PDB file of all heavy atoms in Angstrom:
ATOM      1  N   HIS A   1     227.672  47.147  86.621  1.00  0.00           N
ATOM      2  CA  HIS A   1     227.309  48.029  85.514  1.00  0.00           C
ATOM      3  C   HIS A   1     226.224  48.986  85.990  1.00  0.00           C
ATOM      4  O   HIS A   1     225.117  48.574  86.353  1.00  0.00           O
ATOM      5  CB  HIS A   1     226.815  47.203  84.326  1.00  0.00           C
ATOM      6  CG  HIS A   1     226.345  48.034  83.161  1.00  0.00           C
ATOM      7  ND1 HIS A   1     225.527  47.525  82.166  1.00  0.00           N
ATOM      8  CD2 HIS A   1     226.573  49.332  82.823  1.00  0.00           C
ATOM      9  CE1 HIS A   1     225.276  48.472  81.278  1.00  0.00           C
ATOM     10  NE2 HIS A   1     225.894  49.578  81.664  1.00  0.00           N
ATOM     11  N   LEU A   2     226.556  50.267  85.976  1.00  0.00           N
ATOM     12  CA  LEU A   2     225.619  51.335  86.295  1.00  0.00           C
ATOM     13  C   LEU A   2     225.280  52.065  85.005  1.00  0.00           C
ATOM     14  O   LEU A   2     226.175  52.354  84.210  1.00  0.00           O
ATOM     15  CB  LEU A   2     226.253  52.307  87.300  1.00  0.00           C
ATOM     16  CG  LEU A   2     225.560  53.652  87.535  1.00  0.00           C
ATOM     17  CD1 LEU A   2     224.190  53.445  88.167  1.00  0.00           C
ATOM     18  CD2 LEU A   2     226.432  54.545  88.414  1.00  0.00           C
ATOM     19  N   CYS A   3     224.009  52.354  84.789  1.00  0.00           N
ATOM     20  CA  CYS A   3     223.615  53.082  83.581  1.00  0.00           C
ATOM     21  C   CYS A   3     222.761  54.281  83.953  1.00  0.00           C
ATOM     22  O   CYS A   3     221.871  54.197  84.803  1.00  0.00           O
ATOM     23  CB  CYS A   3     222.820  52.176  82.633  1.00  0.00           C
ATOM     24  SG  CYS A   3     222.402  52.967  81.042  1.00  0.00           S
ATOM     25  N   THR A   4     223.075  55.405  83.339  1.00  0.00           N
ATOM     26  CA  THR A   4     222.199  56.572  83.369  1.00  0.00           C
ATOM     27  C   THR A   4     221.568  56.663  81.986  1.00  0.00           C
ATOM     28  O   THR A   4     222.207  57.116  81.039  1.00  0.00           O
ATOM     29  CB  THR A   4     222.978  57.863  83.689  1.00  0.00           C
ATOM     30  OG1 THR A   4     223.599  57.739  84.976  1.00  0.00           O
ATOM     31  CG2 THR A   4     222.052  59.066  83.692  1.00  0.00           C
ATOM     32  N   PRO A   5     220.337  56.195  81.818  1.00  0.00           N
ATOM     33  CA  PRO A   5     219.791  56.031  80.457  1.00  0.00           C
ATOM     34  C   PRO A   5     219.325  57.315  79.793  1.00  0.00           C
ATOM     35  O   PRO A   5     219.197  57.345  78.568  1.00  0.00           O
ATOM     36  CB  PRO A   5     218.612  55.078  80.672  1.00  0.00           C
ATOM     37  CG  PRO A   5     218.199  55.300  82.089  1.00  0.00           C
ATOM     38  CD  PRO A   5     219.449  55.627  82.848  1.00  0.00           C
ATOM     39  N   PHE A   6     219.050  58.374  80.545  1.00  0.00           N
ATOM     40  CA  PHE A   6     218.488  59.598  79.970  1.00  0.00           C
ATOM     41  C   PHE A   6     217.293  59.272  79.075  1.00  0.00           C
ATOM     42  O   PHE A   6     217.245  59.649  77.900  1.00  0.00           O
ATOM     43  CB  PHE A   6     219.543  60.375  79.186  1.00  0.00           C
ATOM     44  CG  PHE A   6     220.610  60.993  80.050  1.00  0.00           C
ATOM     45  CD1 PHE A   6     221.918  60.527  79.997  1.00  0.00           C
ATOM     46  CD2 PHE A   6     220.323  62.027  80.919  1.00  0.00           C
ATOM     47  CE1 PHE A   6     222.909  61.078  80.794  1.00  0.00           C
ATOM     48  CE2 PHE A   6     221.302  62.591  81.722  1.00  0.00           C
ATOM     49  CZ  PHE A   6     222.601  62.119  81.661  1.00  0.00           C
ATOM     50  N   VAL A   7     216.325  58.566  79.637  1.00  0.00           N
ATOM     51  CA  VAL A   7     215.127  58.220  78.871  1.00  0.00           C
ATOM     52  C   VAL A   7     214.338  59.492  78.580  1.00  0.00           C
ATOM     53  O   VAL A   7     214.010  60.259  79.485  1.00  0.00           O
ATOM     54  CB  VAL A   7     214.246  57.228  79.661  1.00  0.00           C
ATOM     55  CG1 VAL A   7     212.935  56.976  78.911  1.00  0.00           C
ATOM     56  CG2 VAL A   7     214.996  55.918  79.868  1.00  0.00           C
ATOM     57  N   HIS A   8     214.046  59.709  77.315  1.00  0.00           N
ATOM     58  CA  HIS A   8     213.228  60.842  76.899  1.00  0.00           C
ATOM     59  C   HIS A   8     211.780  60.370  76.856  1.00  0.00           C
ATOM     60  O   HIS A   8     211.401  59.604  75.966  1.00  0.00           O
ATOM     61  CB  HIS A   8     213.676  61.356  75.538  1.00  0.00           C
ATOM     62  CG  HIS A   8     215.030  62.005  75.580  1.00  0.00           C
ATOM     63  ND1 HIS A   8     215.728  62.344  74.443  1.00  0.00           N
ATOM     64  CD2 HIS A   8     215.814  62.377  76.615  1.00  0.00           C
ATOM     65  CE1 HIS A   8     216.884  62.902  74.783  1.00  0.00           C
ATOM     66  NE2 HIS A   8     216.949  62.929  76.096  1.00  0.00           N
ATOM     67  N   LEU A   9     211.002  60.827  77.798  1.00  0.00           N
ATOM     68  CA  LEU A   9     209.635  60.335  77.945  1.00  0.00           C
ATOM     69  C   LEU A   9     208.687  60.907  76.909  1.00  0.00           C
ATOM     70  O   LEU A   9     207.608  60.354  76.679  1.00  0.00           O
ATOM     71  CB  LEU A   9     209.125  60.663  79.347  1.00  0.00           C
ATOM     72  CG  LEU A   9     209.936  60.039  80.495  1.00  0.00           C
ATOM     73  CD1 LEU A   9     209.448  60.592  81.830  1.00  0.00           C
ATOM     74  CD2 LEU A   9     209.846  58.529  80.467  1.00  0.00           C
ATOM     75  N   GLY A  10     209.057  62.030  76.298  1.00  0.00           N
ATOM     76  CA  GLY A  10     208.203  62.628  75.288  1.00  0.00           C
ATOM     77  C   GLY A  10     206.932  63.196  75.888  1.00  0.00           C
ATOM     78  O   GLY A  10     206.856  63.526  77.072  1.00  0.00           O
ATOM     79  N   GLU A  11     205.910  63.300  75.067  1.00  0.00           N
ATOM     80  CA  GLU A  11     204.645  63.885  75.496  1.00  0.00           C
ATOM     81  C   GLU A  11     203.798  62.852  76.235  1.00  0.00           C
ATOM     82  O   GLU A  11     203.764  61.681  75.840  1.00  0.00           O
ATOM     83  CB  GLU A  11     203.883  64.391  74.274  1.00  0.00           C
ATOM     84  CG  GLU A  11     204.626  65.451  73.480  1.00  0.00           C
ATOM     85  CD  GLU A  11     204.117  65.547  72.062  1.00  0.00           C
ATOM     86  OE1 GLU A  11     203.051  66.166  71.868  1.00  0.00           O
ATOM     87  OE2 GLU A  11     204.764  65.015  71.154  1.00  0.00           O
ATOM     88  N   PRO A  12     203.125  63.248  77.305  1.00  0.00           N
ATOM     89  CA  PRO A  12     202.291  62.305  78.056  1.00  0.00           C
ATOM     90  C   PRO A  12     201.263  61.627  77.169  1.00  0.00           C
ATOM     91  O   PRO A  12     200.589  62.266  76.363  1.00  0.00           O
ATOM     92  CB  PRO A  12     201.606  63.208  79.096  1.00  0.00           C
ATOM     93  CG  PRO A  12     202.517  64.388  79.235  1.00  0.00           C
ATOM     94  CD  PRO A  12     203.109  64.607  77.877  1.00  0.00           C
ATOM     95  N   GLY A  13     201.187  60.310  77.297  1.00  0.00           N
ATOM     96  CA  GLY A  13     200.191  59.552  76.544  1.00  0.00           C
ATOM     97  C   GLY A  13     200.566  59.253  75.111  1.00  0.00           C
ATOM     98  O   GLY A  13     199.787  58.615  74.394  1.00  0.00           O
ATOM     99  N   ARG A  14     201.766  59.678  74.678  1.00  0.00           N
ATOM    100  CA  ARG A  14     202.197  59.410  73.304  1.00  0.00           C
ATOM    101  C   ARG A  14     203.525  58.670  73.324  1.00  0.00           C
ATOM    102  O   ARG A  14     204.397  58.968  74.131  1.00  0.00           O
ATOM    103  CB  ARG A  14     202.338  60.707  72.515  1.00  0.00           C
ATOM    104  CG  ARG A  14     201.039  61.494  72.379  1.00  0.00           C
ATOM    105  CD  ARG A  14     201.206  62.641  71.405  1.00  0.00           C
ATOM    106  NE  ARG A  14     201.475  62.151  70.057  1.00  0.00           N
ATOM    107  CZ  ARG A  14     201.777  62.935  69.023  1.00  0.00           C
ATOM    108  NH1 ARG A  14     201.872  64.244  69.196  1.00  0.00           N
ATOM    109  NH2 ARG A  14     202.011  62.428  67.838  1.00  0.00           N
ATOM    110  N   ARG A  15     203.687  57.728  72.409  1.00  0.00           N
ATOM    111  CA  ARG A  15     204.903  56.906  72.366  1.00  0.00           C
ATOM    112  C   ARG A  15     205.871  57.344  71.272  1.00  0.00           C
ATOM    113  O   ARG A  15     206.893  56.696  71.045  1.00  0.00           O
ATOM    114  CB  ARG A  15     204.534  55.425  72.160  1.00  0.00           C
ATOM    115  CG  ARG A  15     203.874  54.807  73.371  1.00  0.00           C
ATOM    116  CD  ARG A  15     203.765  53.302  73.242  1.00  0.00           C
ATOM    117  NE  ARG A  15     205.015  52.664  72.850  1.00  0.00           N
ATOM    118  CZ  ARG A  15     206.033  52.423  73.676  1.00  0.00           C
ATOM    119  NH1 ARG A  15     205.954  52.796  74.949  1.00  0.00           N
ATOM    120  NH2 ARG A  15     207.117  51.805  73.245  1.00  0.00           N
ATOM    121  N   GLN A  16     205.575  58.425  70.595  1.00  0.00           N
ATOM    122  CA  GLN A  16     206.376  58.847  69.449  1.00  0.00           C
ATOM    123  C   GLN A  16     207.856  58.970  69.789  1.00  0.00           C
ATOM    124  O   GLN A  16     208.720  58.607  68.996  1.00  0.00           O
ATOM    125  CB  GLN A  16     205.849  60.172  68.913  1.00  0.00           C
ATOM    126  CG  GLN A  16     206.553  60.646  67.654  1.00  0.00           C
ATOM    127  CD  GLN A  16     205.941  61.911  67.096  1.00  0.00           C
ATOM    128  OE1 GLN A  16     204.954  62.425  67.623  1.00  0.00           O
ATOM    129  NE2 GLN A  16     206.512  62.418  66.010  1.00  0.00           N
ATOM    130  N   ILE A  17     208.180  59.486  70.970  1.00  0.00           N
ATOM    131  CA  ILE A  17     209.561  59.652  71.382  1.00  0.00           C
ATOM    132  C   ILE A  17     210.027  58.490  72.242  1.00  0.00           C
ATOM    133  O   ILE A  17     211.060  57.877  71.978  1.00  0.00           O
ATOM    134  CB  ILE A  17     209.735  60.978  72.149  1.00  0.00           C
ATOM    135  CG1 ILE A  17     209.391  62.163  71.242  1.00  0.00           C
ATOM    136  CG2 ILE A  17     211.168  61.101  72.690  1.00  0.00           C
ATOM    137  CD1 ILE A  17     210.292  62.310  70.037  1.00  0.00           C
ATOM    138  N   VAL A  18     209.269  58.152  73.278  1.00  0.00           N
ATOM    139  CA  VAL A  18     209.742  57.188  74.273  1.00  0.00           C
ATOM    140  C   VAL A  18     209.919  55.790  73.692  1.00  0.00           C
ATOM    141  O   VAL A  18     210.689  54.980  74.225  1.00  0.00           O
ATOM    142  CB  VAL A  18     208.779  57.161  75.478  1.00  0.00           C
ATOM    143  CG1 VAL A  18     207.489  56.416  75.153  1.00  0.00           C
ATOM    144  CG2 VAL A  18     209.474  56.576  76.706  1.00  0.00           C
ATOM    145  N   GLN A  19     209.271  55.476  72.566  1.00  0.00           N
ATOM    146  CA  GLN A  19     209.431  54.145  71.989  1.00  0.00           C
ATOM    147  C   GLN A  19     210.857  53.871  71.535  1.00  0.00           C
ATOM    148  O   GLN A  19     211.282  52.716  71.453  1.00  0.00           O
ATOM    149  CB  GLN A  19     208.467  53.958  70.815  1.00  0.00           C
ATOM    150  CG  GLN A  19     208.707  54.876  69.634  1.00  0.00           C
ATOM    151  CD  GLN A  19     207.624  54.765  68.579  1.00  0.00           C
ATOM    152  OE1 GLN A  19     206.743  53.912  68.643  1.00  0.00           O
ATOM    153  NE2 GLN A  19     207.659  55.642  67.577  1.00  0.00           N
ATOM    154  N   TYR A  20     211.633  54.922  71.287  1.00  0.00           N
ATOM    155  CA  TYR A  20     213.030  54.749  70.888  1.00  0.00           C
ATOM    156  C   TYR A  20     213.951  54.565  72.094  1.00  0.00           C
ATOM    157  O   TYR A  20     215.140  54.306  71.934  1.00  0.00           O
ATOM    158  CB  TYR A  20     213.494  55.954  70.065  1.00  0.00           C
ATOM    159  CG  TYR A  20     212.861  55.995  68.691  1.00  0.00           C
ATOM    160  CD1 TYR A  20     211.719  56.753  68.456  1.00  0.00           C
ATOM    161  CD2 TYR A  20     213.397  55.256  67.637  1.00  0.00           C
ATOM    162  CE1 TYR A  20     211.123  56.789  67.194  1.00  0.00           C
ATOM    163  CE2 TYR A  20     212.809  55.282  66.377  1.00  0.00           C
ATOM    164  CZ  TYR A  20     211.670  56.051  66.167  1.00  0.00           C
ATOM    165  OH  TYR A  20     211.091  56.070  64.923  1.00  0.00           O
ATOM    166  N   TYR A  21     213.398  54.695  73.298  1.00  0.00           N
ATOM    167  CA  TYR A  21     214.179  54.576  74.531  1.00  0.00           C
ATOM    168  C   TYR A  21     213.719  53.391  75.384  1.00  0.00           C
ATOM    169  O   TYR A  21     214.238  53.196  76.480  1.00  0.00           O
ATOM    170  CB  TYR A  21     214.052  55.856  75.357  1.00  0.00           C
ATOM    171  CG  TYR A  21     214.633  57.065  74.690  1.00  0.00           C
ATOM    172  CD1 TYR A  21     213.949  57.719  73.664  1.00  0.00           C
ATOM    173  CD2 TYR A  21     215.875  57.574  75.064  1.00  0.00           C
ATOM    174  CE1 TYR A  21     214.484  58.834  73.032  1.00  0.00           C
ATOM    175  CE2 TYR A  21     216.414  58.683  74.441  1.00  0.00           C
ATOM    176  CZ  TYR A  21     215.711  59.315  73.426  1.00  0.00           C
ATOM    177  OH  TYR A  21     216.245  60.415  72.806  1.00  0.00           O
ATOM    178  N   SER A  22     212.750  52.650  74.898  1.00  0.00           N
ATOM    179  CA  SER A  22     212.182  51.575  75.715  1.00  0.00           C
ATOM    180  C   SER A  22     211.893  50.324  74.888  1.00  0.00           C
ATOM    181  O   SER A  22     210.931  49.606  75.160  1.00  0.00           O
ATOM    182  CB  SER A  22     210.905  52.061  76.401  1.00  0.00           C
ATOM    183  OG  SER A  22     209.966  52.561  75.449  1.00  0.00           O
ATOM    184  N   MET A  23     212.718  50.061  73.880  1.00  0.00           N
ATOM    185  CA  MET A  23     212.586  48.827  73.119  1.00  0.00           C
ATOM    186  C   MET A  23     212.960  47.640  74.014  1.00  0.00           C
ATOM    187  O   MET A  23     213.651  47.815  75.029  1.00  0.00           O
ATOM    188  CB  MET A  23     213.465  48.885  71.875  1.00  0.00           C
ATOM    189  CG  MET A  23     212.947  49.838  70.806  1.00  0.00           C
ATOM    190  SD  MET A  23     213.943  49.825  69.282  1.00  0.00           S
ATOM    191  CE  MET A  23     215.040  51.212  69.570  1.00  0.00           C
ATOM    192  N   PRO A  24     212.501  46.446  73.679  1.00  0.00           N
ATOM    193  CA  PRO A  24     212.731  45.299  74.576  1.00  0.00           C
ATOM    194  C   PRO A  24     214.189  45.087  74.957  1.00  0.00           C
ATOM    195  O   PRO A  24     214.490  44.784  76.121  1.00  0.00           O
ATOM    196  CB  PRO A  24     212.181  44.118  73.764  1.00  0.00           C
ATOM    197  CG  PRO A  24     211.107  44.720  72.923  1.00  0.00           C
ATOM    198  CD  PRO A  24     211.609  46.080  72.548  1.00  0.00           C
ATOM    199  N   HIS A  25     215.122  45.254  74.018  1.00  0.00           N
ATOM    200  CA  HIS A  25     216.527  45.019  74.373  1.00  0.00           C
ATOM    201  C   HIS A  25     217.056  46.113  75.287  1.00  0.00           C
ATOM    202  O   HIS A  25     217.938  45.856  76.119  1.00  0.00           O
ATOM    203  CB  HIS A  25     217.387  44.924  73.108  1.00  0.00           C
ATOM    204  CG  HIS A  25     217.587  46.217  72.393  1.00  0.00           C
ATOM    205  ND1 HIS A  25     216.562  46.901  71.781  1.00  0.00           N
ATOM    206  CD2 HIS A  25     218.702  46.983  72.206  1.00  0.00           C
ATOM    207  CE1 HIS A  25     217.022  48.007  71.231  1.00  0.00           C
ATOM    208  NE2 HIS A  25     218.320  48.092  71.485  1.00  0.00           N
ATOM    209  N   GLN A  26     216.515  47.324  75.158  1.00  0.00           N
ATOM    210  CA  GLN A  26     216.947  48.414  76.036  1.00  0.00           C
ATOM    211  C   GLN A  26     216.457  48.193  77.461  1.00  0.00           C
ATOM    212  O   GLN A  26     217.208  48.387  78.430  1.00  0.00           O
ATOM    213  CB  GLN A  26     216.445  49.746  75.476  1.00  0.00           C
ATOM    214  CG  GLN A  26     217.073  50.109  74.141  1.00  0.00           C
ATOM    215  CD  GLN A  26     216.340  51.241  73.434  1.00  0.00           C
ATOM    216  OE1 GLN A  26     215.132  51.428  73.616  1.00  0.00           O
ATOM    217  NE2 GLN A  26     217.054  52.002  72.612  1.00  0.00           N
ATOM    218  N   ILE A  27     215.214  47.784  77.601  1.00  0.00           N
ATOM    219  CA  ILE A  27     214.691  47.482  78.932  1.00  0.00           C
ATOM    220  C   ILE A  27     215.440  46.291  79.528  1.00  0.00           C
ATOM    221  O   ILE A  27     215.761  46.279  80.731  1.00  0.00           O
ATOM    222  CB  ILE A  27     213.174  47.208  78.866  1.00  0.00           C
ATOM    223  CG1 ILE A  27     212.424  48.466  78.400  1.00  0.00           C
ATOM    224  CG2 ILE A  27     212.664  46.733  80.220  1.00  0.00           C
ATOM    225  CD1 ILE A  27     212.580  49.661  79.309  1.00  0.00           C
ATOM    226  N   ALA A  28     215.759  45.291  78.695  1.00  0.00           N
ATOM    227  CA  ALA A  28     216.519  44.143  79.188  1.00  0.00           C
ATOM    228  C   ALA A  28     217.902  44.571  79.675  1.00  0.00           C
ATOM    229  O   ALA A  28     218.390  44.078  80.704  1.00  0.00           O
ATOM    230  CB  ALA A  28     216.651  43.086  78.093  1.00  0.00           C
ATOM    231  N   LEU A  29     218.540  45.482  78.945  1.00  0.00           N
ATOM    232  CA  LEU A  29     219.830  46.016  79.376  1.00  0.00           C
ATOM    233  C   LEU A  29     219.722  46.640  80.762  1.00  0.00           C
ATOM    234  O   LEU A  29     220.558  46.383  81.649  1.00  0.00           O
ATOM    235  CB  LEU A  29     220.330  47.067  78.385  1.00  0.00           C
ATOM    236  CG  LEU A  29     221.175  46.614  77.210  1.00  0.00           C
ATOM    237  CD1 LEU A  29     221.393  47.778  76.248  1.00  0.00           C
ATOM    238  CD2 LEU A  29     222.506  46.074  77.683  1.00  0.00           C
ATOM    239  N   LEU A  30     218.696  47.457  80.963  1.00  0.00           N
ATOM    240  CA  LEU A  30     218.548  48.154  82.233  1.00  0.00           C
ATOM    241  C   LEU A  30     218.172  47.200  83.354  1.00  0.00           C
ATOM    242  O   LEU A  30     218.613  47.366  84.499  1.00  0.00           O
ATOM    243  CB  LEU A  30     217.508  49.268  82.094  1.00  0.00           C
ATOM    244  CG  LEU A  30     217.893  50.383  81.110  1.00  0.00           C
ATOM    245  CD1 LEU A  30     216.759  51.394  80.969  1.00  0.00           C
ATOM    246  CD2 LEU A  30     219.167  51.083  81.558  1.00  0.00           C
ATOM    247  N   ARG A  31     217.374  46.189  83.036  1.00  0.00           N
ATOM    248  CA  ARG A  31     217.056  45.185  84.059  1.00  0.00           C
ATOM    249  C   ARG A  31     218.296  44.444  84.523  1.00  0.00           C
ATOM    250  O   ARG A  31     218.391  43.995  85.657  1.00  0.00           O
ATOM    251  CB  ARG A  31     216.041  44.186  83.502  1.00  0.00           C
ATOM    252  CG  ARG A  31     214.626  44.711  83.370  1.00  0.00           C
ATOM    253  CD  ARG A  31     213.737  43.676  82.709  1.00  0.00           C
ATOM    254  NE  ARG A  31     212.356  44.105  82.614  1.00  0.00           N
ATOM    255  CZ  ARG A  31     211.425  43.479  81.905  1.00  0.00           C
ATOM    256  NH1 ARG A  31     211.751  42.375  81.207  1.00  0.00           N
ATOM    257  NH2 ARG A  31     210.183  43.926  81.883  1.00  0.00           N
ATOM    258  N   GLY A  32     219.268  44.321  83.627  1.00  0.00           N
ATOM    259  CA  GLY A  32     220.491  43.596  83.964  1.00  0.00           C
ATOM    260  C   GLY A  32     221.541  44.428  84.668  1.00  0.00           C
ATOM    261  O   GLY A  32     222.587  43.902  85.079  1.00  0.00           O
ATOM    262  N   CYS A  33     221.290  45.713  84.826  1.00  0.00           N
ATOM    263  CA  CYS A  33     222.267  46.586  85.473  1.00  0.00           C
ATOM    264  C   CYS A  33     222.247  46.414  86.985  1.00  0.00           C
ATOM    265  O   CYS A  33     221.203  46.150  87.587  1.00  0.00           O
ATOM    266  CB  CYS A  33     221.973  48.057  85.134  1.00  0.00           C
ATOM    267  SG  CYS A  33     222.374  48.526  83.440  1.00  0.00           S
ATOM    268  N   ALA A  34     223.400  46.633  87.585  1.00  0.00           N
ATOM    269  CA  ALA A  34     223.471  46.637  89.043  1.00  0.00           C
ATOM    270  C   ALA A  34     222.789  47.861  89.615  1.00  0.00           C
ATOM    271  O   ALA A  34     222.295  47.843  90.747  1.00  0.00           O
ATOM    272  CB  ALA A  34     224.931  46.583  89.489  1.00  0.00           C
ATOM    273  N   GLY A  35     222.784  48.950  88.848  1.00  0.00           N
ATOM    274  CA  GLY A  35     222.126  50.176  89.271  1.00  0.00           C
ATOM    275  C   GLY A  35     221.727  51.007  88.069  1.00  0.00           C
ATOM    276  O   GLY A  35     222.373  50.930  87.014  1.00  0.00           O
ATOM    277  N   VAL A  36     220.661  51.776  88.210  1.00  0.00           N
ATOM    278  CA  VAL A  36     220.197  52.672  87.157  1.00  0.00           C
ATOM    279  C   VAL A  36     219.950  54.043  87.789  1.00  0.00           C
ATOM    280  O   VAL A  36     219.170  54.158  88.744  1.00  0.00           O
ATOM    281  CB  VAL A  36     218.904  52.157  86.482  1.00  0.00           C
ATOM    282  CG1 VAL A  36     218.418  53.152  85.435  1.00  0.00           C
ATOM    283  CG2 VAL A  36     219.143  50.783  85.854  1.00  0.00           C
ATOM    284  N   ALA A  37     220.625  55.055  87.277  1.00  0.00           N
ATOM    285  CA  ALA A  37     220.481  56.419  87.776  1.00  0.00           C
ATOM    286  C   ALA A  37     219.558  57.188  86.852  1.00  0.00           C
ATOM    287  O   ALA A  37     219.801  57.259  85.640  1.00  0.00           O
ATOM    288  CB  ALA A  37     221.841  57.103  87.866  1.00  0.00           C
ATOM    289  N   THR A  38     218.505  57.754  87.379  1.00  0.00           N
ATOM    290  CA  THR A  38     217.569  58.522  86.565  1.00  0.00           C
ATOM    291  C   THR A  38     217.666  60.005  86.905  1.00  0.00           C
ATOM    292  O   THR A  38     218.183  60.391  87.945  1.00  0.00           O
ATOM    293  CB  THR A  38     216.118  58.053  86.774  1.00  0.00           C
ATOM    294  OG1 THR A  38     215.691  58.387  88.101  1.00  0.00           O
ATOM    295  CG2 THR A  38     215.991  56.555  86.554  1.00  0.00           C
TER     296      THR A  38
END
């Protein structure tokens, strides 16, 4: 399983955007991938 997550980092130092791309289950999904393309 390869994933290209297109994580939206948002503004530096703020979690308003990136929190929707880095929830625990999302990070767990990516940790379980054979590869992650950024």
